[in-house]
Amino acid sequence: MAVHHQATIVPTKAELLAAWVPTQPWAAGADTSSLTKLGAYRFDDPDGEVGMETHLLATADGQVLQVPLTYRGSPRAGAEDSLVTTMTHTTLGDRWIYDARHDPVYATALATTIATGGREADLFLATADGLEPQPASARVRGSGTATAPPHASWGPARVTVEGTASTTRGDAAALTVLHVLSTTTTGAAAGGLVLTGTWPGQERPVLLAELRLRTASGS
């Protein structure tokens, strides 16, 4: 369950994305002079400490970008290089915003969603009368099965950018996030489990991420 608060945030999410996305190597081939929100989806942190939100953005030249971020109430030790910005939130206080690709909580949540056939977190608005359900602006689904075990916590990992995608490699698996999306691509290479998604105006599921479990031979 993800809870949205009626709050003022500085900088806004649109402002931080407009400043940060153009600096990323995976966005080098896109016209990022303007970014329009198409939708977003969230995952739950079982410990309730880390907010996870993936933004889907249209560029000035019509490409679609996927930008995952994590939101924390305190700095993550040793993660200075993946800090996007700090934010002031009138309800939650100071927030530290990170490039989610380097955050083990996000990697674990994404891998588990893919492996278990999971979906995005339900979204609620916090009001004086309680929590009100909100419609999803993007929907995602993993290709695994509900009987699969949740993915183990992601330990030390290495993140590399390969063209318009980035891959996090851990001891047990490799997790690839596509940053520039093809709205006609839904499948994956042989042997991979995937996350696909839809948003308003895009009813055909789009490939968002792929999980490859390592075999005993290390492949």
N, C-alpha and C. Protein backbone atom coordinates (compact mmCIF):
# COMPACT_ATOMS: atom_id res chain seq x y z
N MET A 1 0.84 -1.19 0.00
CA MET A 1 0.00 0.00 0.00
C MET A 1 0.88 1.25 0.00
N ALA A 2 0.65 2.14 -0.94
CA ALA A 2 1.37 3.41 -1.02
C ALA A 2 0.41 4.53 -0.63
N VAL A 3 0.86 5.42 0.23
CA VAL A 3 0.02 6.51 0.72
C VAL A 3 0.54 7.83 0.19
N HIS A 4 -0.36 8.58 -0.47
CA HIS A 4 -0.03 9.91 -0.98
C HIS A 4 -0.58 10.94 -0.01
N HIS A 5 0.26 11.92 0.34
CA HIS A 5 -0.15 12.96 1.28
C HIS A 5 -0.43 14.26 0.55
N GLN A 6 -1.41 15.01 1.05
CA GLN A 6 -1.69 16.34 0.52
C GLN A 6 -0.66 17.29 1.13
N ALA A 7 0.42 17.47 0.43
CA ALA A 7 1.55 18.20 0.99
C ALA A 7 2.22 19.03 -0.09
N THR A 8 3.02 19.98 0.37
CA THR A 8 3.86 20.76 -0.53
C THR A 8 5.27 20.19 -0.47
N ILE A 9 5.86 19.95 -1.63
CA ILE A 9 7.23 19.42 -1.67
C ILE A 9 8.11 20.36 -2.49
N VAL A 10 9.33 20.55 -2.01
CA VAL A 10 10.29 21.43 -2.67
C VAL A 10 11.64 20.72 -2.73
N PRO A 11 12.19 20.51 -3.95
CA PRO A 11 11.59 20.79 -5.25
C PRO A 11 10.46 19.80 -5.55
N THR A 12 9.62 20.13 -6.52
CA THR A 12 8.58 19.20 -6.92
C THR A 12 9.22 18.03 -7.68
N LYS A 13 8.46 16.96 -7.82
CA LYS A 13 8.98 15.81 -8.57
C LYS A 13 9.26 16.20 -10.03
N ALA A 14 8.38 17.02 -10.60
CA ALA A 14 8.60 17.46 -11.98
C ALA A 14 9.89 18.25 -12.10
N GLU A 15 10.17 19.08 -11.11
CA GLU A 15 11.40 19.89 -11.14
C GLU A 15 12.64 19.02 -11.00
N LEU A 16 12.61 18.06 -10.09
CA LEU A 16 13.81 17.24 -9.90
C LEU A 16 14.05 16.34 -11.11
N LEU A 17 12.98 15.85 -11.72
CA LEU A 17 13.14 15.02 -12.92
C LEU A 17 13.68 15.84 -14.09
N ALA A 18 13.18 17.06 -14.24
CA ALA A 18 13.63 17.93 -15.32
C ALA A 18 15.11 18.27 -15.19
N ALA A 19 15.60 18.35 -13.95
CA ALA A 19 17.00 18.67 -13.73
C ALA A 19 17.91 17.45 -13.85
N TRP A 20 17.42 16.29 -13.42
CA TRP A 20 18.29 15.11 -13.31
C TRP A 20 18.30 14.23 -14.54
N VAL A 21 17.14 13.99 -15.14
CA VAL A 21 17.06 13.05 -16.27
C VAL A 21 18.01 13.43 -17.41
N PRO A 22 18.11 14.72 -17.82
CA PRO A 22 19.01 15.05 -18.93
C PRO A 22 20.48 14.73 -18.67
N THR A 23 20.87 14.53 -17.42
CA THR A 23 22.26 14.23 -17.09
C THR A 23 22.59 12.75 -17.18
N GLN A 24 21.59 11.91 -17.42
CA GLN A 24 21.80 10.47 -17.39
C GLN A 24 22.22 9.94 -18.76
N PRO A 25 23.22 9.06 -18.80
CA PRO A 25 23.70 8.56 -20.09
C PRO A 25 22.65 7.81 -20.90
N TRP A 26 21.72 7.14 -20.21
CA TRP A 26 20.70 6.39 -20.94
C TRP A 26 19.69 7.30 -21.64
N ALA A 27 19.70 8.60 -21.31
CA ALA A 27 18.78 9.56 -21.93
C ALA A 27 19.45 10.40 -23.00
N ALA A 28 20.70 10.07 -23.33
CA ALA A 28 21.48 10.91 -24.24
C ALA A 28 20.85 11.03 -25.63
N GLY A 29 20.12 10.01 -26.06
CA GLY A 29 19.54 10.03 -27.39
C GLY A 29 18.14 10.60 -27.46
N ALA A 30 17.65 11.14 -26.35
CA ALA A 30 16.29 11.69 -26.30
C ALA A 30 16.33 13.20 -26.13
N ASP A 31 15.32 13.88 -26.64
CA ASP A 31 15.19 15.32 -26.44
C ASP A 31 14.49 15.55 -25.11
N THR A 32 15.26 15.82 -24.08
CA THR A 32 14.72 15.97 -22.72
C THR A 32 14.48 17.43 -22.36
N SER A 33 14.37 18.30 -23.37
CA SER A 33 14.12 19.71 -23.10
C SER A 33 12.77 19.93 -22.43
N SER A 34 11.86 18.99 -22.62
CA SER A 34 10.59 19.00 -21.87
C SER A 34 10.21 17.56 -21.59
N LEU A 35 9.63 17.34 -20.41
CA LEU A 35 9.21 16.00 -19.98
C LEU A 35 7.77 16.07 -19.50
N THR A 36 6.94 15.18 -20.03
CA THR A 36 5.52 15.15 -19.67
C THR A 36 5.21 13.84 -18.97
N LYS A 37 4.56 13.92 -17.82
CA LYS A 37 4.23 12.70 -17.07
C LYS A 37 3.14 11.92 -17.77
N LEU A 38 3.40 10.63 -18.00
CA LEU A 38 2.40 9.72 -18.56
C LEU A 38 1.74 8.88 -17.48
N GLY A 39 2.46 8.60 -16.43
CA GLY A 39 1.95 7.77 -15.34
C GLY A 39 3.08 7.46 -14.38
N ALA A 40 2.76 6.71 -13.35
CA ALA A 40 3.75 6.28 -12.37
C ALA A 40 3.21 5.05 -11.65
N TYR A 41 4.13 4.24 -11.14
CA TYR A 41 3.71 3.09 -10.33
C TYR A 41 4.66 2.94 -9.16
N ARG A 42 4.16 2.31 -8.11
CA ARG A 42 4.92 2.16 -6.87
C ARG A 42 5.00 0.69 -6.46
N PHE A 43 6.02 0.39 -5.68
CA PHE A 43 6.13 -0.89 -5.00
C PHE A 43 6.10 -0.65 -3.50
N ASP A 44 5.70 -1.68 -2.75
CA ASP A 44 5.68 -1.61 -1.28
C ASP A 44 7.02 -2.05 -0.71
N ASP A 45 7.48 -1.35 0.31
CA ASP A 45 8.59 -1.81 1.14
C ASP A 45 7.99 -2.55 2.32
N PRO A 46 8.26 -3.84 2.50
CA PRO A 46 7.67 -4.58 3.63
C PRO A 46 7.96 -3.95 4.98
N ASP A 47 9.08 -3.22 5.09
CA ASP A 47 9.42 -2.57 6.35
C ASP A 47 8.81 -1.18 6.48
N GLY A 48 8.19 -0.69 5.42
CA GLY A 48 7.52 0.60 5.48
C GLY A 48 8.45 1.79 5.59
N GLU A 49 9.71 1.63 5.22
CA GLU A 49 10.69 2.71 5.40
C GLU A 49 11.01 3.46 4.11
N VAL A 50 10.98 2.77 3.00
CA VAL A 50 11.46 3.34 1.74
C VAL A 50 10.30 3.47 0.75
N GLY A 51 10.11 4.67 0.23
CA GLY A 51 9.13 4.87 -0.83
C GLY A 51 9.77 4.55 -2.17
N MET A 52 9.04 3.88 -3.04
CA MET A 52 9.56 3.51 -4.36
C MET A 52 8.55 3.92 -5.42
N GLU A 53 8.97 4.78 -6.34
CA GLU A 53 8.08 5.26 -7.38
C GLU A 53 8.83 5.31 -8.70
N THR A 54 8.23 4.73 -9.73
CA THR A 54 8.81 4.74 -11.07
C THR A 54 7.97 5.65 -11.95
N HIS A 55 8.62 6.64 -12.54
CA HIS A 55 7.95 7.64 -13.36
C HIS A 55 8.06 7.27 -14.84
N LEU A 56 6.97 7.41 -15.55
CA LEU A 56 6.92 7.21 -17.00
C LEU A 56 6.72 8.57 -17.64
N LEU A 57 7.66 8.97 -18.49
CA LEU A 57 7.70 10.33 -19.01
C LEU A 57 7.79 10.33 -20.53
N ALA A 58 7.09 11.28 -21.16
CA ALA A 58 7.21 11.49 -22.59
C ALA A 58 8.20 12.63 -22.83
N THR A 59 9.12 12.43 -23.76
CA THR A 59 10.10 13.46 -24.09
C THR A 59 9.56 14.38 -25.18
N ALA A 60 10.31 15.44 -25.46
CA ALA A 60 9.88 16.41 -26.47
C ALA A 60 9.82 15.78 -27.85
N ASP A 61 10.62 14.74 -28.10
CA ASP A 61 10.61 14.09 -29.41
C ASP A 61 9.79 12.80 -29.42
N GLY A 62 8.92 12.62 -28.42
CA GLY A 62 7.96 11.53 -28.44
C GLY A 62 8.43 10.20 -27.91
N GLN A 63 9.61 10.14 -27.32
CA GLN A 63 10.07 8.89 -26.71
C GLN A 63 9.48 8.76 -25.31
N VAL A 64 9.48 7.53 -24.80
CA VAL A 64 8.95 7.26 -23.46
C VAL A 64 10.08 6.78 -22.57
N LEU A 65 10.28 7.48 -21.46
CA LEU A 65 11.34 7.15 -20.51
C LEU A 65 10.76 6.54 -19.25
N GLN A 66 11.53 5.64 -18.64
CA GLN A 66 11.17 5.04 -17.36
C GLN A 66 12.26 5.43 -16.34
N VAL A 67 11.82 6.07 -15.23
CA VAL A 67 12.76 6.62 -14.26
C VAL A 67 12.37 6.17 -12.86
N PRO A 68 13.04 5.16 -12.29
CA PRO A 68 12.72 4.71 -10.93
C PRO A 68 13.50 5.50 -9.87
N LEU A 69 12.78 5.93 -8.83
CA LEU A 69 13.38 6.66 -7.72
C LEU A 69 12.98 6.02 -6.40
N THR A 70 13.81 6.19 -5.38
CA THR A 70 13.43 5.80 -4.02
C THR A 70 13.47 7.03 -3.14
N TYR A 71 12.58 7.04 -2.14
CA TYR A 71 12.44 8.16 -1.22
C TYR A 71 12.72 7.66 0.19
N ARG A 72 13.65 8.32 0.87
CA ARG A 72 14.04 7.89 2.22
C ARG A 72 13.96 9.04 3.20
N GLY A 73 13.71 8.70 4.47
CA GLY A 73 13.61 9.70 5.52
C GLY A 73 14.94 10.06 6.14
N SER A 74 16.01 9.40 5.73
CA SER A 74 17.36 9.71 6.20
C SER A 74 18.34 9.25 5.12
N PRO A 75 19.56 9.76 5.13
CA PRO A 75 20.52 9.36 4.10
C PRO A 75 20.84 7.87 4.18
N ARG A 76 21.07 7.26 3.02
CA ARG A 76 21.51 5.86 2.98
C ARG A 76 23.03 5.83 2.99
N ALA A 77 23.58 5.16 3.96
CA ALA A 77 25.03 5.14 4.14
C ALA A 77 25.74 4.61 2.89
N GLY A 78 26.76 5.32 2.46
CA GLY A 78 27.56 4.89 1.33
C GLY A 78 26.92 5.09 -0.02
N ALA A 79 25.80 5.81 -0.08
CA ALA A 79 25.06 5.95 -1.35
C ALA A 79 25.11 7.38 -1.89
N GLU A 80 26.14 8.12 -1.53
CA GLU A 80 26.22 9.52 -1.95
C GLU A 80 26.20 9.66 -3.47
N ASP A 81 26.82 8.73 -4.18
CA ASP A 81 26.91 8.85 -5.63
C ASP A 81 25.56 8.64 -6.32
N SER A 82 24.61 8.00 -5.64
CA SER A 82 23.30 7.76 -6.26
C SER A 82 22.23 8.71 -5.73
N LEU A 83 22.64 9.72 -4.95
CA LEU A 83 21.68 10.71 -4.45
C LEU A 83 21.29 11.65 -5.59
N VAL A 84 19.99 11.77 -5.84
CA VAL A 84 19.49 12.67 -6.88
C VAL A 84 19.35 14.08 -6.33
N THR A 85 18.69 14.20 -5.18
CA THR A 85 18.51 15.50 -4.54
C THR A 85 17.91 15.26 -3.15
N THR A 86 17.82 16.31 -2.38
CA THR A 86 17.04 16.28 -1.14
C THR A 86 15.77 17.08 -1.37
N MET A 87 14.75 16.76 -0.59
CA MET A 87 13.43 17.36 -0.78
C MET A 87 12.84 17.71 0.58
N THR A 88 12.13 18.82 0.64
CA THR A 88 11.39 19.18 1.84
C THR A 88 9.92 18.85 1.62
N HIS A 89 9.35 18.06 2.51
CA HIS A 89 7.97 17.57 2.42
C HIS A 89 7.24 18.07 3.65
N THR A 90 6.14 18.81 3.46
CA THR A 90 5.48 19.45 4.60
C THR A 90 4.81 18.47 5.54
N THR A 91 4.62 17.23 5.12
CA THR A 91 4.06 16.20 6.01
C THR A 91 5.14 15.27 6.55
N LEU A 92 6.03 14.83 5.69
CA LEU A 92 7.02 13.82 6.06
C LEU A 92 8.38 14.40 6.46
N GLY A 93 8.56 15.70 6.28
CA GLY A 93 9.83 16.32 6.63
C GLY A 93 10.85 16.20 5.52
N ASP A 94 12.12 16.22 5.88
CA ASP A 94 13.18 16.13 4.88
C ASP A 94 13.22 14.73 4.27
N ARG A 95 13.43 14.69 2.95
CA ARG A 95 13.49 13.42 2.23
C ARG A 95 14.75 13.39 1.38
N TRP A 96 15.31 12.19 1.26
CA TRP A 96 16.48 11.98 0.42
C TRP A 96 16.05 11.13 -0.76
N ILE A 97 16.26 11.66 -1.98
CA ILE A 97 15.77 11.02 -3.19
C ILE A 97 16.95 10.36 -3.90
N TYR A 98 16.81 9.06 -4.19
CA TYR A 98 17.91 8.29 -4.77
C TYR A 98 17.53 7.69 -6.12
N ASP A 99 18.56 7.50 -6.95
CA ASP A 99 18.44 6.71 -8.16
C ASP A 99 18.18 5.27 -7.72
N ALA A 100 16.97 4.78 -7.99
CA ALA A 100 16.55 3.49 -7.43
C ALA A 100 17.38 2.32 -7.94
N ARG A 101 18.03 2.47 -9.06
CA ARG A 101 18.82 1.36 -9.60
C ARG A 101 19.89 0.90 -8.62
N HIS A 102 20.35 1.82 -7.77
CA HIS A 102 21.42 1.51 -6.82
C HIS A 102 20.89 1.18 -5.43
N ASP A 103 19.58 1.14 -5.27
CA ASP A 103 18.99 0.93 -3.95
C ASP A 103 18.58 -0.54 -3.80
N PRO A 104 19.15 -1.26 -2.84
CA PRO A 104 18.83 -2.69 -2.71
C PRO A 104 17.37 -2.95 -2.37
N VAL A 105 16.70 -2.02 -1.71
CA VAL A 105 15.28 -2.21 -1.40
C VAL A 105 14.46 -2.23 -2.69
N TYR A 106 14.77 -1.33 -3.61
CA TYR A 106 14.08 -1.31 -4.90
C TYR A 106 14.39 -2.57 -5.70
N ALA A 107 15.65 -2.97 -5.75
CA ALA A 107 16.02 -4.16 -6.52
C ALA A 107 15.28 -5.38 -6.01
N THR A 108 15.18 -5.52 -4.69
CA THR A 108 14.47 -6.66 -4.11
C THR A 108 12.99 -6.61 -4.45
N ALA A 109 12.38 -5.42 -4.36
CA ALA A 109 10.95 -5.28 -4.66
C ALA A 109 10.66 -5.57 -6.12
N LEU A 110 11.48 -5.04 -7.01
CA LEU A 110 11.26 -5.27 -8.44
C LEU A 110 11.45 -6.74 -8.79
N ALA A 111 12.52 -7.35 -8.29
CA ALA A 111 12.77 -8.76 -8.58
C ALA A 111 11.65 -9.65 -8.04
N THR A 112 11.16 -9.35 -6.84
CA THR A 112 10.08 -10.14 -6.26
C THR A 112 8.79 -9.99 -7.06
N THR A 113 8.49 -8.75 -7.49
CA THR A 113 7.29 -8.52 -8.29
C THR A 113 7.35 -9.32 -9.59
N ILE A 114 8.49 -9.32 -10.24
CA ILE A 114 8.64 -10.07 -11.48
C ILE A 114 8.52 -11.57 -11.23
N ALA A 115 9.25 -12.07 -10.24
CA ALA A 115 9.33 -13.52 -10.01
C ALA A 115 8.01 -14.12 -9.55
N THR A 116 7.22 -13.35 -8.79
CA THR A 116 5.98 -13.88 -8.21
C THR A 116 4.73 -13.49 -8.98
N GLY A 117 4.89 -12.84 -10.13
CA GLY A 117 3.71 -12.41 -10.88
C GLY A 117 2.95 -11.31 -10.17
N GLY A 118 3.68 -10.47 -9.44
CA GLY A 118 3.05 -9.40 -8.67
C GLY A 118 2.67 -8.21 -9.52
N ARG A 119 2.15 -7.18 -8.85
CA ARG A 119 1.72 -5.98 -9.55
C ARG A 119 2.11 -4.76 -8.72
N GLU A 120 1.70 -3.59 -9.21
CA GLU A 120 1.99 -2.34 -8.51
C GLU A 120 1.27 -2.26 -7.17
N ALA A 121 1.77 -1.43 -6.28
CA ALA A 121 1.12 -1.23 -4.98
C ALA A 121 -0.17 -0.44 -5.15
N ASP A 122 -1.15 -0.74 -4.32
CA ASP A 122 -2.37 0.06 -4.28
C ASP A 122 -2.05 1.45 -3.74
N LEU A 123 -2.71 2.47 -4.29
CA LEU A 123 -2.44 3.85 -3.92
C LEU A 123 -3.62 4.43 -3.14
N PHE A 124 -3.30 5.12 -2.04
CA PHE A 124 -4.32 5.76 -1.21
C PHE A 124 -3.93 7.21 -0.94
N LEU A 125 -4.94 8.06 -0.78
CA LEU A 125 -4.74 9.46 -0.40
C LEU A 125 -5.08 9.62 1.07
N ALA A 126 -4.15 10.19 1.84
CA ALA A 126 -4.39 10.44 3.26
C ALA A 126 -5.21 11.71 3.41
N THR A 127 -6.40 11.59 4.03
CA THR A 127 -7.27 12.73 4.28
C THR A 127 -7.63 12.78 5.76
N ALA A 128 -8.33 13.83 6.15
CA ALA A 128 -8.75 13.95 7.55
C ALA A 128 -9.70 12.84 7.95
N ASP A 129 -10.36 12.23 6.98
CA ASP A 129 -11.32 11.16 7.25
C ASP A 129 -10.72 9.76 7.10
N GLY A 130 -9.45 9.69 6.80
CA GLY A 130 -8.80 8.39 6.63
C GLY A 130 -8.18 8.25 5.25
N LEU A 131 -7.98 7.03 4.83
CA LEU A 131 -7.34 6.75 3.55
C LEU A 131 -8.38 6.51 2.47
N GLU A 132 -8.25 7.24 1.36
CA GLU A 132 -9.16 7.09 0.24
C GLU A 132 -8.44 6.42 -0.93
N PRO A 133 -8.99 5.32 -1.48
CA PRO A 133 -8.36 4.66 -2.62
C PRO A 133 -8.24 5.61 -3.81
N GLN A 134 -7.14 5.52 -4.53
CA GLN A 134 -6.89 6.35 -5.71
C GLN A 134 -6.67 5.46 -6.93
N PRO A 135 -7.10 5.92 -8.10
CA PRO A 135 -6.88 5.11 -9.31
C PRO A 135 -5.40 5.07 -9.66
N ALA A 136 -4.98 3.97 -10.23
CA ALA A 136 -3.59 3.83 -10.67
C ALA A 136 -3.38 4.59 -11.97
N SER A 137 -2.26 5.30 -12.09
CA SER A 137 -1.95 5.97 -13.35
C SER A 137 -1.10 5.09 -14.26
N ALA A 138 -0.61 3.98 -13.74
CA ALA A 138 0.07 2.97 -14.54
C ALA A 138 -0.10 1.63 -13.83
N ARG A 139 -0.20 0.58 -14.62
CA ARG A 139 -0.36 -0.77 -14.05
C ARG A 139 0.75 -1.66 -14.57
N VAL A 140 1.32 -2.47 -13.68
CA VAL A 140 2.41 -3.37 -14.06
C VAL A 140 2.11 -4.77 -13.57
N ARG A 141 2.75 -5.75 -14.21
CA ARG A 141 2.55 -7.14 -13.83
C ARG A 141 3.81 -7.94 -14.14
N GLY A 142 4.22 -8.78 -13.18
CA GLY A 142 5.33 -9.68 -13.40
C GLY A 142 4.87 -10.93 -14.11
N SER A 143 5.79 -11.59 -14.81
CA SER A 143 5.42 -12.78 -15.59
C SER A 143 5.62 -14.07 -14.83
N GLY A 144 6.11 -14.00 -13.59
CA GLY A 144 6.30 -15.20 -12.79
C GLY A 144 5.00 -15.73 -12.24
N THR A 145 5.10 -16.62 -11.25
CA THR A 145 3.91 -17.24 -10.68
C THR A 145 3.79 -16.92 -9.20
N ALA A 146 2.55 -16.89 -8.73
CA ALA A 146 2.30 -16.56 -7.33
C ALA A 146 2.91 -17.58 -6.37
N THR A 147 3.19 -18.79 -6.86
CA THR A 147 3.76 -19.82 -6.00
C THR A 147 5.28 -19.71 -5.87
N ALA A 148 5.89 -18.82 -6.67
CA ALA A 148 7.34 -18.64 -6.58
C ALA A 148 7.68 -17.94 -5.27
N PRO A 149 8.81 -18.28 -4.66
CA PRO A 149 9.19 -17.61 -3.41
C PRO A 149 9.60 -16.17 -3.68
N PRO A 150 9.35 -15.26 -2.72
CA PRO A 150 9.83 -13.88 -2.88
C PRO A 150 11.34 -13.87 -3.08
N HIS A 151 11.82 -12.92 -3.83
CA HIS A 151 13.25 -12.85 -4.08
C HIS A 151 13.99 -12.44 -2.82
N ALA A 152 15.09 -13.11 -2.54
CA ALA A 152 15.87 -12.79 -1.35
C ALA A 152 16.38 -11.36 -1.42
N SER A 153 16.63 -10.77 -0.25
CA SER A 153 17.13 -9.41 -0.20
C SER A 153 18.37 -9.28 -1.07
N TRP A 154 18.43 -8.20 -1.82
CA TRP A 154 19.51 -7.98 -2.76
C TRP A 154 20.74 -7.52 -2.00
N GLY A 155 21.82 -8.28 -2.10
CA GLY A 155 23.05 -7.92 -1.43
C GLY A 155 23.89 -6.99 -2.28
N PRO A 156 25.21 -7.00 -2.09
CA PRO A 156 26.09 -6.15 -2.89
C PRO A 156 25.88 -6.41 -4.37
N ALA A 157 25.77 -5.34 -5.15
CA ALA A 157 25.47 -5.49 -6.57
C ALA A 157 26.24 -4.43 -7.36
N ARG A 158 26.39 -4.70 -8.64
CA ARG A 158 27.08 -3.78 -9.54
C ARG A 158 26.09 -3.33 -10.61
N VAL A 159 25.99 -2.02 -10.83
CA VAL A 159 25.06 -1.46 -11.80
C VAL A 159 25.85 -0.94 -12.99
N THR A 160 25.46 -1.36 -14.18
CA THR A 160 26.10 -0.87 -15.40
C THR A 160 25.03 -0.37 -16.36
N VAL A 161 25.38 0.66 -17.13
CA VAL A 161 24.49 1.18 -18.16
C VAL A 161 24.92 0.60 -19.49
N GLU A 162 23.95 0.04 -20.20
CA GLU A 162 24.20 -0.58 -21.50
C GLU A 162 23.23 0.03 -22.50
N GLY A 163 23.66 1.08 -23.18
CA GLY A 163 22.78 1.78 -24.10
C GLY A 163 21.69 2.51 -23.34
N THR A 164 20.44 2.14 -23.59
CA THR A 164 19.31 2.80 -22.93
C THR A 164 18.72 1.95 -21.82
N ALA A 165 19.49 1.00 -21.33
CA ALA A 165 19.05 0.15 -20.22
C ALA A 165 20.16 0.08 -19.19
N SER A 166 19.80 -0.29 -17.97
CA SER A 166 20.80 -0.50 -16.93
C SER A 166 20.56 -1.85 -16.29
N THR A 167 21.65 -2.50 -15.91
CA THR A 167 21.57 -3.84 -15.34
C THR A 167 22.25 -3.87 -13.98
N THR A 168 21.53 -4.41 -13.00
CA THR A 168 22.06 -4.63 -11.66
C THR A 168 22.39 -6.10 -11.55
N ARG A 169 23.66 -6.41 -11.26
CA ARG A 169 24.10 -7.80 -11.18
C ARG A 169 24.46 -8.14 -9.75
N GLY A 170 23.75 -9.11 -9.19
CA GLY A 170 24.02 -9.60 -7.86
C GLY A 170 24.54 -11.02 -7.92
N ASP A 171 24.69 -11.64 -6.76
CA ASP A 171 25.21 -13.01 -6.72
C ASP A 171 24.25 -14.02 -7.33
N ALA A 172 22.94 -13.76 -7.19
CA ALA A 172 21.95 -14.76 -7.60
C ALA A 172 21.20 -14.41 -8.87
N ALA A 173 21.27 -13.15 -9.32
CA ALA A 173 20.44 -12.76 -10.45
C ALA A 173 20.98 -11.49 -11.09
N ALA A 174 20.47 -11.21 -12.28
CA ALA A 174 20.72 -9.95 -12.98
C ALA A 174 19.38 -9.31 -13.28
N LEU A 175 19.27 -8.02 -13.03
CA LEU A 175 18.00 -7.30 -13.16
C LEU A 175 18.22 -6.14 -14.12
N THR A 176 17.53 -6.16 -15.25
CA THR A 176 17.68 -5.11 -16.26
C THR A 176 16.45 -4.22 -16.29
N VAL A 177 16.66 -2.92 -16.19
CA VAL A 177 15.60 -1.92 -16.27
C VAL A 177 15.75 -1.17 -17.59
N LEU A 178 14.71 -1.14 -18.39
CA LEU A 178 14.72 -0.38 -19.64
C LEU A 178 14.35 1.06 -19.32
N HIS A 179 15.16 2.02 -19.79
CA HIS A 179 14.87 3.43 -19.52
C HIS A 179 14.20 4.11 -20.70
N VAL A 180 14.50 3.69 -21.90
CA VAL A 180 13.81 4.17 -23.09
C VAL A 180 12.95 3.00 -23.58
N LEU A 181 11.64 3.19 -23.54
CA LEU A 181 10.72 2.08 -23.77
C LEU A 181 10.27 2.00 -25.22
N SER A 182 10.11 0.78 -25.69
CA SER A 182 9.49 0.53 -26.99
C SER A 182 8.04 0.18 -26.74
N THR A 183 7.14 0.98 -27.27
CA THR A 183 5.71 0.74 -27.03
C THR A 183 5.16 -0.42 -27.85
N THR A 184 6.03 -1.09 -28.61
CA THR A 184 5.59 -2.27 -29.37
C THR A 184 6.27 -3.54 -28.90
N THR A 185 7.14 -3.45 -27.89
CA THR A 185 7.89 -4.62 -27.42
C THR A 185 7.30 -5.13 -26.11
N THR A 186 6.88 -6.40 -26.10
CA THR A 186 6.29 -6.98 -24.89
C THR A 186 7.04 -8.20 -24.39
N GLY A 187 7.88 -8.80 -25.22
CA GLY A 187 8.53 -10.05 -24.84
C GLY A 187 9.89 -9.84 -24.23
N ALA A 188 10.64 -10.96 -24.05
CA ALA A 188 11.98 -10.91 -23.48
C ALA A 188 12.82 -11.99 -24.12
N ALA A 189 14.10 -11.89 -23.94
CA ALA A 189 15.00 -12.93 -24.44
C ALA A 189 14.72 -14.24 -23.72
N ALA A 190 15.09 -15.34 -24.35
CA ALA A 190 14.83 -16.66 -23.78
C ALA A 190 15.44 -16.76 -22.39
N GLY A 191 14.67 -17.32 -21.47
CA GLY A 191 15.18 -17.55 -20.12
C GLY A 191 14.89 -16.45 -19.14
N GLY A 192 14.30 -15.36 -19.59
CA GLY A 192 14.07 -14.24 -18.69
C GLY A 192 12.63 -14.14 -18.22
N LEU A 193 12.46 -13.68 -16.99
CA LEU A 193 11.16 -13.28 -16.47
C LEU A 193 11.06 -11.77 -16.63
N VAL A 194 9.84 -11.25 -16.83
CA VAL A 194 9.73 -9.84 -17.19
C VAL A 194 8.66 -9.12 -16.37
N LEU A 195 8.78 -7.79 -16.40
CA LEU A 195 7.74 -6.89 -15.91
C LEU A 195 7.23 -6.11 -17.11
N THR A 196 5.91 -6.11 -17.30
CA THR A 196 5.30 -5.31 -18.35
C THR A 196 4.31 -4.34 -17.73
N GLY A 197 3.96 -3.29 -18.48
CA GLY A 197 3.06 -2.29 -17.92
C GLY A 197 2.24 -1.57 -18.97
N THR A 198 1.17 -0.95 -18.50
CA THR A 198 0.30 -0.12 -19.33
C THR A 198 0.04 1.19 -18.62
N TRP A 199 -0.40 2.18 -19.37
CA TRP A 199 -0.78 3.48 -18.81
C TRP A 199 -1.79 4.10 -19.76
N PRO A 200 -2.46 5.19 -19.38
CA PRO A 200 -3.48 5.78 -20.25
C PRO A 200 -2.91 6.09 -21.64
N GLY A 201 -3.60 5.60 -22.65
CA GLY A 201 -3.14 5.77 -24.02
C GLY A 201 -2.22 4.67 -24.50
N GLN A 202 -1.80 3.78 -23.61
CA GLN A 202 -0.95 2.65 -23.97
C GLN A 202 -1.56 1.39 -23.38
N GLU A 203 -2.50 0.81 -24.11
CA GLU A 203 -3.22 -0.36 -23.61
C GLU A 203 -2.48 -1.66 -23.87
N ARG A 204 -1.58 -1.67 -24.85
CA ARG A 204 -0.78 -2.86 -25.11
C ARG A 204 0.35 -2.91 -24.09
N PRO A 205 0.51 -4.02 -23.35
CA PRO A 205 1.57 -4.08 -22.34
C PRO A 205 2.96 -3.88 -22.95
N VAL A 206 3.76 -3.08 -22.26
CA VAL A 206 5.10 -2.71 -22.72
C VAL A 206 6.14 -3.35 -21.80
N LEU A 207 7.23 -3.83 -22.39
CA LEU A 207 8.32 -4.41 -21.60
C LEU A 207 9.02 -3.32 -20.80
N LEU A 208 9.12 -3.52 -19.48
CA LEU A 208 9.73 -2.55 -18.58
C LEU A 208 11.04 -3.04 -17.97
N ALA A 209 11.10 -4.31 -17.61
CA ALA A 209 12.28 -4.84 -16.91
C ALA A 209 12.35 -6.34 -17.11
N GLU A 210 13.55 -6.89 -16.88
CA GLU A 210 13.76 -8.33 -17.03
C GLU A 210 14.62 -8.85 -15.89
N LEU A 211 14.27 -10.02 -15.39
CA LEU A 211 15.01 -10.69 -14.33
C LEU A 211 15.58 -11.99 -14.87
N ARG A 212 16.89 -12.17 -14.70
CA ARG A 212 17.54 -13.42 -15.10
C ARG A 212 18.18 -14.05 -13.87
N LEU A 213 17.71 -15.21 -13.49
CA LEU A 213 18.27 -15.93 -12.35
C LEU A 213 19.51 -16.68 -12.80
N ARG A 214 20.54 -16.62 -11.98
CA ARG A 214 21.78 -17.31 -12.31
C ARG A 214 21.62 -18.81 -12.06
N THR A 215 22.18 -19.61 -12.95
CA THR A 215 22.14 -21.06 -12.81
C THR A 215 23.36 -21.53 -12.02
N ALA A 216 23.40 -22.81 -11.74
CA ALA A 216 24.53 -23.36 -10.99
C ALA A 216 25.84 -23.16 -11.74
N SER A 217 25.78 -23.06 -13.06
CA SER A 217 26.99 -22.86 -13.86
C SER A 217 27.43 -21.41 -13.90
N GLY A 218 26.55 -20.51 -13.32
CA GLY A 218 26.89 -19.10 -13.27
C GLY A 218 26.39 -18.29 -14.43
N SER A 219 25.66 -18.91 -15.36
CA SER A 219 25.16 -18.20 -16.53
C SER A 219 23.85 -17.51 -16.22
